[in-house]
Structure formats: C-alpha cells, structure tokens
Amino acid sequence: MVLTLFLSAIGFTSVVSFVGTLLVKQAQLQSETDSAAVAANQALRGLNTGFPCQIAKQFLQQDMSALRTCLSVGERTRVIATNQLGGIVLTAEAWAQPQP
C-alpha cells in the first residue's frame, strides 16, 4: 500500500510538472507572437526594412516556433504562431497596429 501511494505521488507530481511546463511555454509563445506581430507591423509601415511576414517568421524561428499565418489588413498585422511540446501543439495569436 505504501508503494502504491508513493507511485501515485510520483505520477501526480509528474503530471503537475508537465502542465506547469505547458503553461510557461504557452506564455512564452504568446510573448514571442506579440513581438513578431509588432515587428511585422513596423516593417509594414516602413519603420523596419524587409517584408512583414518574413520578419515575423525569422523572429519566431529564433525561439524554435513556426509561423502559421501572417496577414496585413490596412495598418493592422495578424500573426499566428505554433510550437510543440511533448507532442502537444501550442498556438498563439497576436494583432498589432499603430497607436493613435
């Protein structure tokens, strides 16, 4: 019975640790996506050199994330990025536009 309790505690700790890691990775991905959207929007408005979607892709690749969608509508830029952790695909979306 003690062994079963011990193994259950180890299993529970592993699950909690993995979920915590997923939450941290999701927060990092969202931050990266926000920054990539801002950089792409700056390129769209001519504040950075290059093409907006290529800049967003390069920015995300630095942290091993992938660009899924990049779209510019007027002065707004939308970026969707993905990353994988333990077979689970994480997704984040961000919009960027100039401040009035």
PDB file of N, CA and C in Angstrom:
ATOM      1  N   MET A   1       0.821  -1.186   0.000  1.00  0.00           N
ATOM      2  CA  MET A   1       0.000   0.000   0.000  1.00  0.00           C
ATOM      3  C   MET A   1       0.874   1.263   0.000  1.00  0.00           C
ATOM      4  N   VAL A   2       1.960   1.239   0.746  1.00  0.00           N
ATOM      5  CA  VAL A   2       2.877   2.369   0.784  1.00  0.00           C
ATOM      6  C   VAL A   2       3.500   2.585  -0.594  1.00  0.00           C
ATOM      7  N   LEU A   3       3.849   1.484  -1.263  1.00  0.00           N
ATOM      8  CA  LEU A   3       4.431   1.580  -2.602  1.00  0.00           C
ATOM      9  C   LEU A   3       3.436   2.192  -3.586  1.00  0.00           C
ATOM     10  N   THR A   4       2.187   1.795  -3.509  1.00  0.00           N
ATOM     11  CA  THR A   4       1.153   2.350  -4.386  1.00  0.00           C
ATOM     12  C   THR A   4       0.981   3.838  -4.136  1.00  0.00           C
ATOM     13  N   LEU A   5       0.957   4.219  -2.882  1.00  0.00           N
ATOM     14  CA  LEU A   5       0.832   5.633  -2.526  1.00  0.00           C
ATOM     15  C   LEU A   5       2.041   6.425  -3.037  1.00  0.00           C
ATOM     16  N   PHE A   6       3.222   5.863  -2.895  1.00  0.00           N
ATOM     17  CA  PHE A   6       4.447   6.512  -3.350  1.00  0.00           C
ATOM     18  C   PHE A   6       4.435   6.691  -4.871  1.00  0.00           C
ATOM     19  N   LEU A   7       4.053   5.648  -5.600  1.00  0.00           N
ATOM     20  CA  LEU A   7       4.000   5.728  -7.061  1.00  0.00           C
ATOM     21  C   LEU A   7       2.930   6.711  -7.523  1.00  0.00           C
ATOM     22  N   SER A   8       1.818   6.764  -6.810  1.00  0.00           N
ATOM     23  CA  SER A   8       0.761   7.719  -7.140  1.00  0.00           C
ATOM     24  C   SER A   8       1.254   9.150  -6.940  1.00  0.00           C
ATOM     25  N   ALA A   9       1.990   9.385  -5.875  1.00  0.00           N
ATOM     26  CA  ALA A   9       2.534  10.718  -5.608  1.00  0.00           C
ATOM     27  C   ALA A   9       3.518  11.128  -6.693  1.00  0.00           C
ATOM     28  N   ILE A  10       4.352  10.201  -7.124  1.00  0.00           N
ATOM     29  CA  ILE A  10       5.308  10.489  -8.195  1.00  0.00           C
ATOM     30  C   ILE A  10       4.576  10.790  -9.499  1.00  0.00           C
ATOM     31  N   GLY A  11       3.562  10.006  -9.816  1.00  0.00           N
ATOM     32  CA  GLY A  11       2.770  10.231 -11.023  1.00  0.00           C
ATOM     33  C   GLY A  11       2.075  11.583 -10.997  1.00  0.00           C
ATOM     34  N   PHE A  12       1.481  11.928  -9.859  1.00  0.00           N
ATOM     35  CA  PHE A  12       0.795  13.211  -9.721  1.00  0.00           C
ATOM     36  C   PHE A  12       1.777  14.370  -9.870  1.00  0.00           C
ATOM     37  N   THR A  13       2.941  14.239  -9.276  1.00  0.00           N
ATOM     38  CA  THR A  13       3.962  15.278  -9.367  1.00  0.00           C
ATOM     39  C   THR A  13       4.418  15.459 -10.811  1.00  0.00           C
ATOM     40  N   SER A  14       4.554  14.363 -11.531  1.00  0.00           N
ATOM     41  CA  SER A  14       4.962  14.434 -12.937  1.00  0.00           C
ATOM     42  C   SER A  14       3.920  15.159 -13.778  1.00  0.00           C
ATOM     43  N   VAL A  15       2.653  14.854 -13.546  1.00  0.00           N
ATOM     44  CA  VAL A  15       1.578  15.490 -14.304  1.00  0.00           C
ATOM     45  C   VAL A  15       1.532  16.986 -14.003  1.00  0.00           C
ATOM     46  N   VAL A  16       1.633  17.342 -12.741  1.00  0.00           N
ATOM     47  CA  VAL A  16       1.610  18.756 -12.353  1.00  0.00           C
ATOM     48  C   VAL A  16       2.804  19.493 -12.961  1.00  0.00           C
ATOM     49  N   SER A  17       3.954  18.872 -12.959  1.00  0.00           N
ATOM     50  CA  SER A  17       5.144  19.485 -13.541  1.00  0.00           C
ATOM     51  C   SER A  17       4.979  19.695 -15.043  1.00  0.00           C
ATOM     52  N   PHE A  18       4.427  18.719 -15.746  1.00  0.00           N
ATOM     53  CA  PHE A  18       4.232  18.819 -17.189  1.00  0.00           C
ATOM     54  C   PHE A  18       3.221  19.918 -17.518  1.00  0.00           C
ATOM     55  N   VAL A  19       2.127  19.982 -16.780  1.00  0.00           N
ATOM     56  CA  VAL A  19       1.129  21.023 -17.012  1.00  0.00           C
ATOM     57  C   VAL A  19       1.731  22.403 -16.747  1.00  0.00           C
ATOM     58  N   GLY A  20       2.530  22.520 -15.700  1.00  0.00           N
ATOM     59  CA  GLY A  20       3.208  23.786 -15.421  1.00  0.00           C
ATOM     60  C   GLY A  20       4.135  24.187 -16.552  1.00  0.00           C
ATOM     61  N   THR A  21       4.861  23.225 -17.094  1.00  0.00           N
ATOM     62  CA  THR A  21       5.757  23.484 -18.218  1.00  0.00           C
ATOM     63  C   THR A  21       4.965  23.937 -19.440  1.00  0.00           C
ATOM     64  N   LEU A  22       3.814  23.305 -19.685  1.00  0.00           N
ATOM     65  CA  LEU A  22       2.959  23.710 -20.804  1.00  0.00           C
ATOM     66  C   LEU A  22       2.480  25.156 -20.644  1.00  0.00           C
ATOM     67  N   LEU A  23       2.078  25.512 -19.443  1.00  0.00           N
ATOM     68  CA  LEU A  23       1.599  26.869 -19.201  1.00  0.00           C
ATOM     69  C   LEU A  23       2.701  27.907 -19.406  1.00  0.00           C
ATOM     70  N   VAL A  24       3.899  27.596 -18.950  1.00  0.00           N
ATOM     71  CA  VAL A  24       5.032  28.510 -19.140  1.00  0.00           C
ATOM     72  C   VAL A  24       5.364  28.631 -20.628  1.00  0.00           C
ATOM     73  N   LYS A  25       5.391  27.517 -21.342  1.00  0.00           N
ATOM     74  CA  LYS A  25       5.703  27.526 -22.773  1.00  0.00           C
ATOM     75  C   LYS A  25       4.640  28.301 -23.554  1.00  0.00           C
ATOM     76  N   GLN A  26       3.361  28.167 -23.154  1.00  0.00           N
ATOM     77  CA  GLN A  26       2.294  28.911 -23.817  1.00  0.00           C
ATOM     78  C   GLN A  26       2.471  30.412 -23.597  1.00  0.00           C
ATOM     79  N   ALA A  27       2.828  30.800 -22.398  1.00  0.00           N
ATOM     80  CA  ALA A  27       3.056  32.222 -22.106  1.00  0.00           C
ATOM     81  C   ALA A  27       4.241  32.756 -22.922  1.00  0.00           C
ATOM     82  N   GLN A  28       5.304  31.968 -23.041  1.00  0.00           N
ATOM     83  CA  GLN A  28       6.458  32.377 -23.847  1.00  0.00           C
ATOM     84  C   GLN A  28       6.076  32.511 -25.312  1.00  0.00           C
ATOM     85  N   LEU A  29       5.293  31.558 -25.813  1.00  0.00           N
ATOM     86  CA  LEU A  29       4.860  31.602 -27.211  1.00  0.00           C
ATOM     87  C   LEU A  29       4.005  32.838 -27.463  1.00  0.00           C
ATOM     88  N   GLN A  30       3.119  33.170 -26.530  1.00  0.00           N
ATOM     89  CA  GLN A  30       2.281  34.357 -26.705  1.00  0.00           C
ATOM     90  C   GLN A  30       3.138  35.618 -26.740  1.00  0.00           C
ATOM     91  N   SER A  31       4.125  35.690 -25.876  1.00  0.00           N
ATOM     92  CA  SER A  31       5.022  36.845 -25.854  1.00  0.00           C
ATOM     93  C   SER A  31       5.803  36.961 -27.159  1.00  0.00           C
ATOM     94  N   GLU A  32       6.308  35.831 -27.660  1.00  0.00           N
ATOM     95  CA  GLU A  32       7.041  35.815 -28.924  1.00  0.00           C
ATOM     96  C   GLU A  32       6.137  36.249 -30.079  1.00  0.00           C
ATOM     97  N   THR A  33       4.905  35.779 -30.070  1.00  0.00           N
ATOM     98  CA  THR A  33       3.961  36.108 -31.132  1.00  0.00           C
ATOM     99  C   THR A  33       3.600  37.591 -31.098  1.00  0.00           C
ATOM    100  N   ASP A  34       3.407  38.125 -29.905  1.00  0.00           N
ATOM    101  CA  ASP A  34       3.147  39.561 -29.766  1.00  0.00           C
ATOM    102  C   ASP A  34       4.300  40.375 -30.365  1.00  0.00           C
ATOM    103  N   SER A  35       5.516  40.000 -30.019  1.00  0.00           N
ATOM    104  CA  SER A  35       6.697  40.719 -30.521  1.00  0.00           C
ATOM    105  C   SER A  35       6.847  40.571 -32.032  1.00  0.00           C
ATOM    106  N   ALA A  36       6.574  39.389 -32.556  1.00  0.00           N
ATOM    107  CA  ALA A  36       6.662  39.169 -34.004  1.00  0.00           C
ATOM    108  C   ALA A  36       5.620  40.006 -34.737  1.00  0.00           C
ATOM    109  N   ALA A  37       4.429  40.135 -34.169  1.00  0.00           N
ATOM    110  CA  ALA A  37       3.385  40.947 -34.795  1.00  0.00           C
ATOM    111  C   ALA A  37       3.783  42.422 -34.809  1.00  0.00           C
ATOM    112  N   VAL A  38       4.364  42.894 -33.731  1.00  0.00           N
ATOM    113  CA  VAL A  38       4.820  44.289 -33.673  1.00  0.00           C
ATOM    114  C   VAL A  38       5.930  44.529 -34.691  1.00  0.00           C
ATOM    115  N   ALA A  39       6.894  43.614 -34.769  1.00  0.00           N
ATOM    116  CA  ALA A  39       7.992  43.763 -35.728  1.00  0.00           C
ATOM    117  C   ALA A  39       7.466  43.737 -37.168  1.00  0.00           C
ATOM    118  N   ALA A  40       6.520  42.843 -37.451  1.00  0.00           N
ATOM    119  CA  ALA A  40       5.938  42.775 -38.796  1.00  0.00           C
ATOM    120  C   ALA A  40       5.169  44.049 -39.114  1.00  0.00           C
ATOM    121  N   ASN A  41       4.447  44.582 -38.146  1.00  0.00           N
ATOM    122  CA  ASN A  41       3.692  45.810 -38.364  1.00  0.00           C
ATOM    123  C   ASN A  41       4.623  46.994 -38.599  1.00  0.00           C
ATOM    124  N   GLN A  42       5.739  47.022 -37.904  1.00  0.00           N
ATOM    125  CA  GLN A  42       6.714  48.094 -38.128  1.00  0.00           C
ATOM    126  C   GLN A  42       7.288  48.018 -39.538  1.00  0.00           C
ATOM    127  N   ALA A  43       7.523  46.802 -40.028  1.00  0.00           N
ATOM    128  CA  ALA A  43       8.010  46.641 -41.403  1.00  0.00           C
ATOM    129  C   ALA A  43       6.937  47.064 -42.399  1.00  0.00           C
ATOM    130  N   LEU A  44       5.687  46.766 -42.099  1.00  0.00           N
ATOM    131  CA  LEU A  44       4.579  47.153 -42.961  1.00  0.00           C
ATOM    132  C   LEU A  44       4.509  48.673 -43.102  1.00  0.00           C
ATOM    133  N   ARG A  45       4.778  49.367 -42.026  1.00  0.00           N
ATOM    134  CA  ARG A  45       4.709  50.835 -42.033  1.00  0.00           C
ATOM    135  C   ARG A  45       6.029  51.486 -42.442  1.00  0.00           C
ATOM    136  N   GLY A  46       7.060  50.681 -42.756  1.00  0.00           N
ATOM    137  CA  GLY A  46       8.330  51.221 -43.220  1.00  0.00           C
ATOM    138  C   GLY A  46       9.290  51.613 -42.119  1.00  0.00           C
ATOM    139  N   LEU A  47       9.003  51.232 -40.887  1.00  0.00           N
ATOM    140  CA  LEU A  47       9.902  51.556 -39.783  1.00  0.00           C
ATOM    141  C   LEU A  47      11.052  50.560 -39.663  1.00  0.00           C
ATOM    142  N   ASN A  48      10.882  49.377 -40.228  1.00  0.00           N
ATOM    143  CA  ASN A  48      11.929  48.346 -40.317  1.00  0.00           C
ATOM    144  C   ASN A  48      12.074  47.973 -41.777  1.00  0.00           C
ATOM    145  N   THR A  49      13.233  47.468 -42.147  1.00  0.00           N
ATOM    146  CA  THR A  49      13.417  47.021 -43.520  1.00  0.00           C
ATOM    147  C   THR A  49      12.995  45.565 -43.644  1.00  0.00           C
ATOM    148  N   GLY A  50      12.502  45.197 -44.806  1.00  0.00           N
ATOM    149  CA  GLY A  50      12.106  43.819 -45.068  1.00  0.00           C
ATOM    150  C   GLY A  50      10.606  43.686 -45.254  1.00  0.00           C
ATOM    151  N   PHE A  51      10.202  42.460 -45.567  1.00  0.00           N
ATOM    152  CA  PHE A  51       8.796  42.155 -45.757  1.00  0.00           C
ATOM    153  C   PHE A  51       8.195  41.711 -44.423  1.00  0.00           C
ATOM    154  N   PRO A  52       6.998  42.187 -44.096  1.00  0.00           N
ATOM    155  CA  PRO A  52       6.424  41.922 -42.780  1.00  0.00           C
ATOM    156  C   PRO A  52       6.379  40.444 -42.379  1.00  0.00           C
ATOM    157  N   CYS A  53       5.874  39.598 -43.251  1.00  0.00           N
ATOM    158  CA  CYS A  53       5.728  38.180 -42.881  1.00  0.00           C
ATOM    159  C   CYS A  53       7.071  37.464 -42.771  1.00  0.00           C
ATOM    160  N   GLN A  54       8.038  37.867 -43.580  1.00  0.00           N
ATOM    161  CA  GLN A  54       9.371  37.271 -43.464  1.00  0.00           C
ATOM    162  C   GLN A  54      10.023  37.668 -42.145  1.00  0.00           C
ATOM    163  N   ILE A  55       9.814  38.896 -41.725  1.00  0.00           N
ATOM    164  CA  ILE A  55      10.364  39.344 -40.447  1.00  0.00           C
ATOM    165  C   ILE A  55       9.718  38.581 -39.303  1.00  0.00           C
ATOM    166  N   ALA A  56       8.393  38.412 -39.357  1.00  0.00           N
ATOM    167  CA  ALA A  56       7.700  37.658 -38.307  1.00  0.00           C
ATOM    168  C   ALA A  56       8.200  36.215 -38.257  1.00  0.00           C
ATOM    169  N   LYS A  57       8.392  35.608 -39.422  1.00  0.00           N
ATOM    170  CA  LYS A  57       8.873  34.221 -39.483  1.00  0.00           C
ATOM    171  C   LYS A  57      10.274  34.111 -38.889  1.00  0.00           C
ATOM    172  N   GLN A  58      11.168  35.006 -39.264  1.00  0.00           N
ATOM    173  CA  GLN A  58      12.529  34.980 -38.730  1.00  0.00           C
ATOM    174  C   GLN A  58      12.528  35.194 -37.218  1.00  0.00           C
ATOM    175  N   PHE A  59      11.689  36.094 -36.760  1.00  0.00           N
ATOM    176  CA  PHE A  59      11.607  36.388 -35.336  1.00  0.00           C
ATOM    177  C   PHE A  59      11.170  35.151 -34.565  1.00  0.00           C
ATOM    178  N   LEU A  60      10.173  34.450 -35.077  1.00  0.00           N
ATOM    179  CA  LEU A  60       9.652  33.259 -34.388  1.00  0.00           C
ATOM    180  C   LEU A  60      10.627  32.089 -34.462  1.00  0.00           C
ATOM    181  N   GLN A  61      11.340  31.978 -35.560  1.00  0.00           N
ATOM    182  CA  GLN A  61      12.281  30.865 -35.715  1.00  0.00           C
ATOM    183  C   GLN A  61      13.437  30.948 -34.730  1.00  0.00           C
ATOM    184  N   GLN A  62      13.736  32.124 -34.233  1.00  0.00           N
ATOM    185  CA  GLN A  62      14.806  32.265 -33.250  1.00  0.00           C
ATOM    186  C   GLN A  62      14.509  31.453 -31.996  1.00  0.00           C
ATOM    187  N   ASP A  63      13.228  31.298 -31.673  1.00  0.00           N
ATOM    188  CA  ASP A  63      12.827  30.547 -30.478  1.00  0.00           C
ATOM    189  C   ASP A  63      12.184  29.211 -30.834  1.00  0.00           C
ATOM    190  N   MET A  64      12.488  28.715 -32.035  1.00  0.00           N
ATOM    191  CA  MET A  64      12.019  27.402 -32.485  1.00  0.00           C
ATOM    192  C   MET A  64      10.498  27.321 -32.624  1.00  0.00           C
ATOM    193  N   SER A  65       9.866  28.442 -32.899  1.00  0.00           N
ATOM    194  CA  SER A  65       8.429  28.472 -33.150  1.00  0.00           C
ATOM    195  C   SER A  65       8.212  28.584 -34.650  1.00  0.00           C
ATOM    196  N   ALA A  66       6.987  28.274 -35.092  1.00  0.00           N
ATOM    197  CA  ALA A  66       6.680  28.311 -36.520  1.00  0.00           C
ATOM    198  C   ALA A  66       5.581  29.328 -36.786  1.00  0.00           C
ATOM    199  N   LEU A  67       5.710  30.036 -37.890  1.00  0.00           N
ATOM    200  CA  LEU A  67       4.693  30.972 -38.333  1.00  0.00           C
ATOM    201  C   LEU A  67       3.612  30.188 -39.061  1.00  0.00           C
ATOM    202  N   ARG A  68       2.389  30.268 -38.562  1.00  0.00           N
ATOM    203  CA  ARG A  68       1.276  29.575 -39.218  1.00  0.00           C
ATOM    204  C   ARG A  68       0.525  30.512 -40.151  1.00  0.00           C
ATOM    205  N   THR A  69       0.262  31.735 -39.705  1.00  0.00           N
ATOM    206  CA  THR A  69      -0.469  32.704 -40.510  1.00  0.00           C
ATOM    207  C   THR A  69       0.109  34.093 -40.278  1.00  0.00           C
ATOM    208  N   CYS A  70       0.231  34.842 -41.364  1.00  0.00           N
ATOM    209  CA  CYS A  70       0.632  36.243 -41.289  1.00  0.00           C
ATOM    210  C   CYS A  70      -0.239  37.001 -42.282  1.00  0.00           C
ATOM    211  N   LEU A  71      -0.910  38.030 -41.794  1.00  0.00           N
ATOM    212  CA  LEU A  71      -1.859  38.747 -42.628  1.00  0.00           C
ATOM    213  C   LEU A  71      -1.820  40.226 -42.278  1.00  0.00           C
ATOM    214  N   SER A  72      -1.786  41.064 -43.300  1.00  0.00           N
ATOM    215  CA  SER A  72      -1.849  42.508 -43.087  1.00  0.00           C
ATOM    216  C   SER A  72      -3.136  43.030 -43.693  1.00  0.00           C
ATOM    217  N   VAL A  73      -3.906  43.749 -42.875  1.00  0.00           N
ATOM    218  CA  VAL A  73      -5.163  44.347 -43.318  1.00  0.00           C
ATOM    219  C   VAL A  73      -5.099  45.825 -42.961  1.00  0.00           C
ATOM    220  N   GLY A  74      -4.986  46.658 -43.967  1.00  0.00           N
ATOM    221  CA  GLY A  74      -4.825  48.087 -43.702  1.00  0.00           C
ATOM    222  C   GLY A  74      -3.518  48.311 -42.964  1.00  0.00           C
ATOM    223  N   GLU A  75      -3.607  48.907 -41.781  1.00  0.00           N
ATOM    224  CA  GLU A  75      -2.421  49.120 -40.957  1.00  0.00           C
ATOM    225  C   GLU A  75      -2.317  48.095 -39.831  1.00  0.00           C
ATOM    226  N   ARG A  76      -3.148  47.083 -39.861  1.00  0.00           N
ATOM    227  CA  ARG A  76      -3.124  46.045 -38.821  1.00  0.00           C
ATOM    228  C   ARG A  76      -2.413  44.793 -39.341  1.00  0.00           C
ATOM    229  N   THR A  77      -1.699  44.128 -38.467  1.00  0.00           N
ATOM    230  CA  THR A  77      -0.982  42.899 -38.808  1.00  0.00           C
ATOM    231  C   THR A  77      -1.409  41.811 -37.834  1.00  0.00           C
ATOM    232  N   ARG A  78      -1.732  40.646 -38.383  1.00  0.00           N
ATOM    233  CA  ARG A  78      -2.134  39.493 -37.574  1.00  0.00           C
ATOM    234  C   ARG A  78      -1.097  38.391 -37.759  1.00  0.00           C
ATOM    235  N   VAL A  79      -0.631  37.833 -36.648  1.00  0.00           N
ATOM    236  CA  VAL A  79       0.345  36.749 -36.675  1.00  0.00           C
ATOM    237  C   VAL A  79      -0.179  35.608 -35.807  1.00  0.00           C
ATOM    238  N   ILE A  80      -0.156  34.396 -36.356  1.00  0.00           N
ATOM    239  CA  ILE A  80      -0.483  33.191 -35.593  1.00  0.00           C
ATOM    240  C   ILE A  80       0.744  32.289 -35.636  1.00  0.00           C
ATOM    241  N   ALA A  81       1.186  31.845 -34.465  1.00  0.00           N
ATOM    242  CA  ALA A  81       2.391  31.020 -34.361  1.00  0.00           C
ATOM    243  C   ALA A  81       2.073  29.732 -33.609  1.00  0.00           C
ATOM    244  N   THR A  82       2.879  28.711 -33.883  1.00  0.00           N
ATOM    245  CA  THR A  82       2.730  27.434 -33.194  1.00  0.00           C
ATOM    246  C   THR A  82       4.081  26.968 -32.671  1.00  0.00           C
ATOM    247  N   ASN A  83       4.005  26.135 -31.653  1.00  0.00           N
ATOM    248  CA  ASN A  83       5.186  25.480 -31.105  1.00  0.00           C
ATOM    249  C   ASN A  83       4.721  24.157 -30.542  1.00  0.00           C
ATOM    250  N   GLN A  84       5.622  23.218 -30.436  1.00  0.00           N
ATOM    251  CA  GLN A  84       5.264  21.881 -29.983  1.00  0.00           C
ATOM    252  C   GLN A  84       6.039  21.525 -28.729  1.00  0.00           C
ATOM    253  N   LEU A  85       5.348  20.899 -27.793  1.00  0.00           N
ATOM    254  CA  LEU A  85       5.976  20.445 -26.560  1.00  0.00           C
ATOM    255  C   LEU A  85       5.394  19.092 -26.197  1.00  0.00           C
ATOM    256  N   GLY A  86       6.213  18.076 -26.245  1.00  0.00           N
ATOM    257  CA  GLY A  86       5.765  16.741 -25.872  1.00  0.00           C
ATOM    258  C   GLY A  86       4.623  16.227 -26.725  1.00  0.00           C
ATOM    259  N   GLY A  87       4.598  16.571 -27.996  1.00  0.00           N
ATOM    260  CA  GLY A  87       3.538  16.117 -28.878  1.00  0.00           C
ATOM    261  C   GLY A  87       2.287  16.976 -28.822  1.00  0.00           C
ATOM    262  N   ILE A  88       2.276  17.989 -27.999  1.00  0.00           N
ATOM    263  CA  ILE A  88       1.134  18.893 -27.890  1.00  0.00           C
ATOM    264  C   ILE A  88       1.475  20.174 -28.642  1.00  0.00           C
ATOM    265  N   VAL A  89       0.582  20.569 -29.543  1.00  0.00           N
ATOM    266  CA  VAL A  89       0.801  21.774 -30.346  1.00  0.00           C
ATOM    267  C   VAL A  89       0.183  22.967 -29.624  1.00  0.00           C
ATOM    268  N   LEU A  90       1.004  23.956 -29.356  1.00  0.00           N
ATOM    269  CA  LEU A  90       0.558  25.191 -28.725  1.00  0.00           C
ATOM    270  C   LEU A  90       0.393  26.250 -29.811  1.00  0.00           C
ATOM    271  N   THR A  91      -0.623  27.095 -29.680  1.00  0.00           N
ATOM    272  CA  THR A  91      -0.912  28.119 -30.670  1.00  0.00           C
ATOM    273  C   THR A  91      -1.129  29.458 -29.977  1.00  0.00           C
ATOM    274  N   ALA A  92      -0.631  30.519 -30.602  1.00  0.00           N
ATOM    275  CA  ALA A  92      -0.835  31.879 -30.084  1.00  0.00           C
ATOM    276  C   ALA A  92      -1.145  32.807 -31.245  1.00  0.00           C
ATOM    277  N   GLU A  93      -1.960  33.817 -30.979  1.00  0.00           N
ATOM    278  CA  GLU A  93      -2.353  34.780 -31.987  1.00  0.00           C
ATOM    279  C   GLU A  93      -2.140  36.191 -31.457  1.00  0.00           C
ATOM    280  N   ALA A  94      -1.703  37.096 -32.340  1.00  0.00           N
ATOM    281  CA  ALA A  94      -1.499  38.482 -31.938  1.00  0.00           C
ATOM    282  C   ALA A  94      -1.822  39.421 -33.098  1.00  0.00           C
ATOM    283  N   TRP A  95      -2.367  40.567 -32.749  1.00  0.00           N
ATOM    284  CA  TRP A  95      -2.626  41.644 -33.697  1.00  0.00           C
ATOM    285  C   TRP A  95      -1.754  42.828 -33.297  1.00  0.00           C
ATOM    286  N   ALA A  96      -1.273  43.557 -34.279  1.00  0.00           N
ATOM    287  CA  ALA A  96      -0.512  44.781 -33.991  1.00  0.00           C
ATOM    288  C   ALA A  96      -1.008  45.876 -34.923  1.00  0.00           C
ATOM    289  N   GLN A  97      -1.053  47.083 -34.390  1.00  0.00           N
ATOM    290  CA  GLN A  97      -1.455  48.248 -35.194  1.00  0.00           C
ATOM    291  C   GLN A  97      -0.812  49.480 -34.591  1.00  0.00           C
ATOM    292  N   PRO A  98      -0.668  50.537 -35.370  1.00  0.00           N
ATOM    293  CA  PRO A  98      -0.069  51.758 -34.837  1.00  0.00           C
ATOM    294  C   PRO A  98      -0.966  52.378 -33.772  1.00  0.00           C
ATOM    295  N   GLN A  99      -0.332  52.989 -32.799  1.00  0.00           N
ATOM    296  CA  GLN A  99      -1.072  53.669 -31.728  1.00  0.00           C
ATOM    297  C   GLN A  99      -1.415  55.082 -32.198  1.00  0.00           C
ATOM    298  N   PRO A 100      -2.619  55.530 -31.890  1.00  0.00           N
ATOM    299  CA  PRO A 100      -3.018  56.885 -32.338  1.00  0.00           C
ATOM    300  C   PRO A 100      -2.276  57.961 -31.572  1.00  0.00           C
TER     301      PRO A 100
END
